[in-house]
N, C-alpha and C. Protein backbone atom coordinates (compact mmCIF):
# COMPACT_ATOMS: atom_id res chain seq x y z
N MET A 1 3.15 -12.30 11.19
CA MET A 1 2.04 -11.37 10.99
C MET A 1 0.92 -12.13 10.27
N GLU A 2 -0.26 -12.03 10.80
CA GLU A 2 -1.41 -12.71 10.23
C GLU A 2 -2.04 -11.84 9.13
N LEU A 3 -2.48 -12.51 8.07
CA LEU A 3 -3.14 -11.77 6.98
C LEU A 3 -4.54 -11.35 7.40
N MET A 4 -4.94 -10.17 6.97
CA MET A 4 -6.30 -9.69 7.22
C MET A 4 -7.22 -10.25 6.15
N ASN A 5 -8.50 -10.40 6.50
CA ASN A 5 -9.44 -10.77 5.45
C ASN A 5 -9.67 -9.54 4.57
N ILE A 6 -10.21 -9.77 3.40
CA ILE A 6 -10.33 -8.70 2.39
C ILE A 6 -11.19 -7.53 2.89
N ALA A 7 -12.21 -7.80 3.67
CA ALA A 7 -13.05 -6.71 4.18
C ALA A 7 -12.25 -5.79 5.10
N ARG A 8 -11.40 -6.36 5.92
CA ARG A 8 -10.56 -5.54 6.81
C ARG A 8 -9.52 -4.75 6.03
N VAL A 9 -8.99 -5.36 4.97
CA VAL A 9 -8.03 -4.65 4.13
C VAL A 9 -8.71 -3.47 3.45
N ARG A 10 -9.90 -3.69 2.92
CA ARG A 10 -10.65 -2.58 2.30
C ARG A 10 -10.88 -1.46 3.30
N TRP A 11 -11.26 -1.82 4.51
CA TRP A 11 -11.51 -0.81 5.54
C TRP A 11 -10.23 -0.05 5.87
N ALA A 12 -9.10 -0.75 5.97
CA ALA A 12 -7.83 -0.11 6.29
C ALA A 12 -7.36 0.82 5.17
N CYS A 13 -7.86 0.60 3.95
CA CYS A 13 -7.50 1.46 2.82
C CYS A 13 -8.21 2.81 2.86
N ARG A 14 -9.23 2.92 3.69
CA ARG A 14 -9.92 4.21 3.83
C ARG A 14 -9.07 5.10 4.71
N ARG A 15 -8.52 6.11 4.10
CA ARG A 15 -7.55 6.97 4.77
C ARG A 15 -8.15 8.34 5.04
N GLY A 16 -7.36 9.18 5.70
CA GLY A 16 -7.78 10.55 5.94
C GLY A 16 -7.46 11.47 4.78
N MET A 17 -6.78 10.94 3.78
CA MET A 17 -6.40 11.75 2.62
C MET A 17 -6.99 11.12 1.37
N LEU A 18 -7.74 11.89 0.62
CA LEU A 18 -8.35 11.40 -0.61
C LEU A 18 -7.31 10.87 -1.59
N GLU A 19 -6.15 11.52 -1.63
CA GLU A 19 -5.10 11.10 -2.55
C GLU A 19 -4.67 9.65 -2.29
N LEU A 20 -4.66 9.26 -1.03
CA LEU A 20 -4.28 7.88 -0.69
C LEU A 20 -5.44 6.92 -0.97
N ASP A 21 -6.65 7.34 -0.70
CA ASP A 21 -7.82 6.51 -1.03
C ASP A 21 -7.82 6.15 -2.52
N VAL A 22 -7.52 7.13 -3.34
CA VAL A 22 -7.53 6.95 -4.80
C VAL A 22 -6.45 5.95 -5.23
N LEU A 23 -5.39 5.85 -4.49
CA LEU A 23 -4.34 4.87 -4.80
C LEU A 23 -4.66 3.48 -4.25
N PHE A 24 -5.03 3.43 -2.98
CA PHE A 24 -5.20 2.14 -2.31
C PHE A 24 -6.43 1.36 -2.74
N GLN A 25 -7.57 2.01 -2.82
CA GLN A 25 -8.80 1.28 -3.08
C GLN A 25 -8.81 0.56 -4.43
N PRO A 26 -8.43 1.20 -5.52
CA PRO A 26 -8.39 0.46 -6.79
C PRO A 26 -7.37 -0.68 -6.77
N PHE A 27 -6.23 -0.47 -6.10
CA PHE A 27 -5.22 -1.52 -6.02
C PHE A 27 -5.78 -2.75 -5.32
N VAL A 28 -6.48 -2.54 -4.21
CA VAL A 28 -7.05 -3.66 -3.47
C VAL A 28 -8.09 -4.39 -4.31
N GLU A 29 -8.91 -3.64 -5.02
CA GLU A 29 -9.97 -4.26 -5.82
C GLU A 29 -9.43 -5.05 -7.01
N THR A 30 -8.31 -4.62 -7.57
CA THR A 30 -7.84 -5.26 -8.80
C THR A 30 -6.61 -6.15 -8.63
N HIS A 31 -5.81 -5.93 -7.57
CA HIS A 31 -4.53 -6.64 -7.48
C HIS A 31 -4.29 -7.42 -6.18
N TYR A 32 -4.84 -6.94 -5.08
CA TYR A 32 -4.47 -7.48 -3.76
C TYR A 32 -4.63 -9.00 -3.67
N GLN A 33 -5.76 -9.52 -4.09
CA GLN A 33 -6.01 -10.95 -3.89
C GLN A 33 -5.10 -11.85 -4.72
N GLN A 34 -4.49 -11.31 -5.77
CA GLN A 34 -3.57 -12.10 -6.60
C GLN A 34 -2.13 -12.05 -6.08
N LEU A 35 -1.88 -11.20 -5.10
CA LEU A 35 -0.51 -11.08 -4.56
C LEU A 35 -0.12 -12.34 -3.79
N PRO A 36 1.16 -12.69 -3.82
CA PRO A 36 1.64 -13.75 -2.93
C PRO A 36 1.48 -13.30 -1.47
N ASP A 37 1.40 -14.24 -0.55
CA ASP A 37 1.17 -13.90 0.86
C ASP A 37 2.21 -12.93 1.42
N ASN A 38 3.48 -13.07 1.03
CA ASN A 38 4.48 -12.15 1.56
C ASN A 38 4.23 -10.72 1.09
N ASP A 39 3.74 -10.54 -0.14
CA ASP A 39 3.40 -9.19 -0.62
C ASP A 39 2.14 -8.67 0.07
N LYS A 40 1.20 -9.56 0.37
CA LYS A 40 0.01 -9.14 1.13
C LYS A 40 0.43 -8.63 2.51
N GLN A 41 1.35 -9.33 3.15
CA GLN A 41 1.84 -8.89 4.46
C GLN A 41 2.54 -7.54 4.35
N THR A 42 3.29 -7.34 3.29
CA THR A 42 3.98 -6.06 3.09
C THR A 42 2.96 -4.95 2.87
N PHE A 43 1.92 -5.23 2.09
CA PHE A 43 0.87 -4.23 1.86
C PHE A 43 0.19 -3.87 3.18
N ILE A 44 -0.08 -4.85 4.01
CA ILE A 44 -0.71 -4.58 5.31
C ILE A 44 0.23 -3.72 6.17
N ARG A 45 1.53 -4.01 6.14
CA ARG A 45 2.49 -3.16 6.86
C ARG A 45 2.46 -1.74 6.34
N LEU A 46 2.31 -1.60 5.02
CA LEU A 46 2.23 -0.27 4.41
C LEU A 46 1.01 0.48 4.95
N LEU A 47 -0.10 -0.22 5.07
CA LEU A 47 -1.32 0.41 5.56
C LEU A 47 -1.21 0.83 7.02
N GLU A 48 -0.26 0.27 7.75
CA GLU A 48 -0.05 0.65 9.15
C GLU A 48 0.76 1.93 9.30
N CYS A 49 1.32 2.43 8.22
CA CYS A 49 2.10 3.67 8.25
C CYS A 49 1.17 4.88 8.35
N GLU A 50 1.74 5.97 8.79
CA GLU A 50 0.98 7.22 8.93
C GLU A 50 0.75 7.88 7.58
N ASP A 51 -0.39 8.55 7.44
CA ASP A 51 -0.75 9.19 6.18
C ASP A 51 0.30 10.18 5.66
N PRO A 52 0.87 11.06 6.50
CA PRO A 52 1.86 12.01 5.96
C PRO A 52 3.08 11.33 5.33
N GLU A 53 3.56 10.24 5.96
CA GLU A 53 4.71 9.57 5.36
C GLU A 53 4.30 8.81 4.10
N LEU A 54 3.12 8.20 4.10
CA LEU A 54 2.63 7.54 2.89
C LEU A 54 2.51 8.54 1.74
N PHE A 55 1.93 9.68 2.03
CA PHE A 55 1.77 10.72 1.01
C PHE A 55 3.13 11.12 0.44
N ALA A 56 4.11 11.33 1.32
CA ALA A 56 5.46 11.73 0.87
C ALA A 56 6.08 10.65 -0.02
N TRP A 57 5.90 9.39 0.34
CA TRP A 57 6.45 8.30 -0.46
C TRP A 57 5.76 8.18 -1.81
N PHE A 58 4.44 8.24 -1.81
CA PHE A 58 3.70 8.05 -3.05
C PHE A 58 3.85 9.23 -4.00
N MET A 59 4.05 10.42 -3.46
CA MET A 59 4.22 11.60 -4.30
C MET A 59 5.68 11.80 -4.71
N GLY A 60 6.57 10.97 -4.18
CA GLY A 60 7.98 11.06 -4.54
C GLY A 60 8.74 12.15 -3.82
N HIS A 61 8.16 12.69 -2.74
CA HIS A 61 8.85 13.73 -1.97
C HIS A 61 9.93 13.15 -1.08
N GLU A 62 9.75 11.89 -0.67
CA GLU A 62 10.72 11.20 0.18
C GLU A 62 10.84 9.76 -0.30
N GLN A 63 11.97 9.14 -0.01
CA GLN A 63 12.18 7.73 -0.31
C GLN A 63 11.88 6.93 0.96
N CYS A 64 11.08 5.91 0.83
CA CYS A 64 10.78 5.04 1.97
C CYS A 64 12.06 4.30 2.37
N PRO A 65 12.42 4.33 3.65
CA PRO A 65 13.67 3.68 4.07
C PRO A 65 13.59 2.15 4.10
N ASP A 66 12.39 1.59 4.14
CA ASP A 66 12.22 0.14 4.16
C ASP A 66 12.14 -0.37 2.72
N VAL A 67 13.04 -1.25 2.34
CA VAL A 67 13.14 -1.73 0.95
C VAL A 67 11.84 -2.41 0.50
N ASP A 68 11.27 -3.25 1.35
CA ASP A 68 10.05 -3.96 0.98
C ASP A 68 8.86 -3.00 0.82
N LEU A 69 8.75 -2.06 1.74
CA LEU A 69 7.67 -1.08 1.63
C LEU A 69 7.86 -0.20 0.40
N ALA A 70 9.10 0.18 0.11
CA ALA A 70 9.38 1.00 -1.08
C ALA A 70 8.97 0.26 -2.35
N ALA A 71 9.25 -1.05 -2.39
CA ALA A 71 8.85 -1.85 -3.55
C ALA A 71 7.33 -1.93 -3.67
N MET A 72 6.64 -1.99 -2.53
CA MET A 72 5.17 -2.04 -2.55
C MET A 72 4.60 -0.70 -3.01
N VAL A 73 5.22 0.39 -2.61
CA VAL A 73 4.78 1.71 -3.09
C VAL A 73 4.82 1.73 -4.62
N ILE A 74 5.89 1.21 -5.19
CA ILE A 74 6.01 1.16 -6.65
C ILE A 74 4.91 0.29 -7.26
N LYS A 75 4.63 -0.86 -6.64
CA LYS A 75 3.56 -1.73 -7.15
C LYS A 75 2.21 -1.04 -7.11
N VAL A 76 1.92 -0.39 -6.00
CA VAL A 76 0.63 0.28 -5.86
C VAL A 76 0.50 1.41 -6.87
N ARG A 77 1.58 2.13 -7.09
CA ARG A 77 1.56 3.22 -8.06
C ARG A 77 1.44 2.70 -9.50
N GLY A 78 1.70 1.40 -9.69
CA GLY A 78 1.55 0.82 -11.01
C GLY A 78 2.75 0.97 -11.91
N ARG A 79 3.90 1.26 -11.28
CA ARG A 79 5.13 1.39 -12.06
C ARG A 79 5.95 0.12 -11.89
N PRO A 80 6.65 -0.28 -12.92
CA PRO A 80 7.53 -1.44 -12.76
C PRO A 80 8.66 -1.15 -11.79
N ALA A 81 9.04 -2.16 -11.04
CA ALA A 81 10.14 -2.00 -10.08
C ALA A 81 11.44 -1.83 -10.86
N PRO A 82 12.38 -1.02 -10.31
CA PRO A 82 13.67 -0.80 -10.99
C PRO A 82 14.52 -2.06 -11.02
């Protein structure tokens, strides 16, 4: 999977749900560029998910079945990984 340039990542963070915009946009501005490439790829995979499932994962209504994506959800939310 090829990494997106930062402008494309910012654009992909614009979601149909304000709640997700509020999570993704600050994360990209403050943390994305410092991530290792494998975490950047995981974040891009996260952005490819549908808004309803992202919302459920970020609000804690459901557990993400993908271990790497679940870890990225925790990073974006700003909580330390278990």
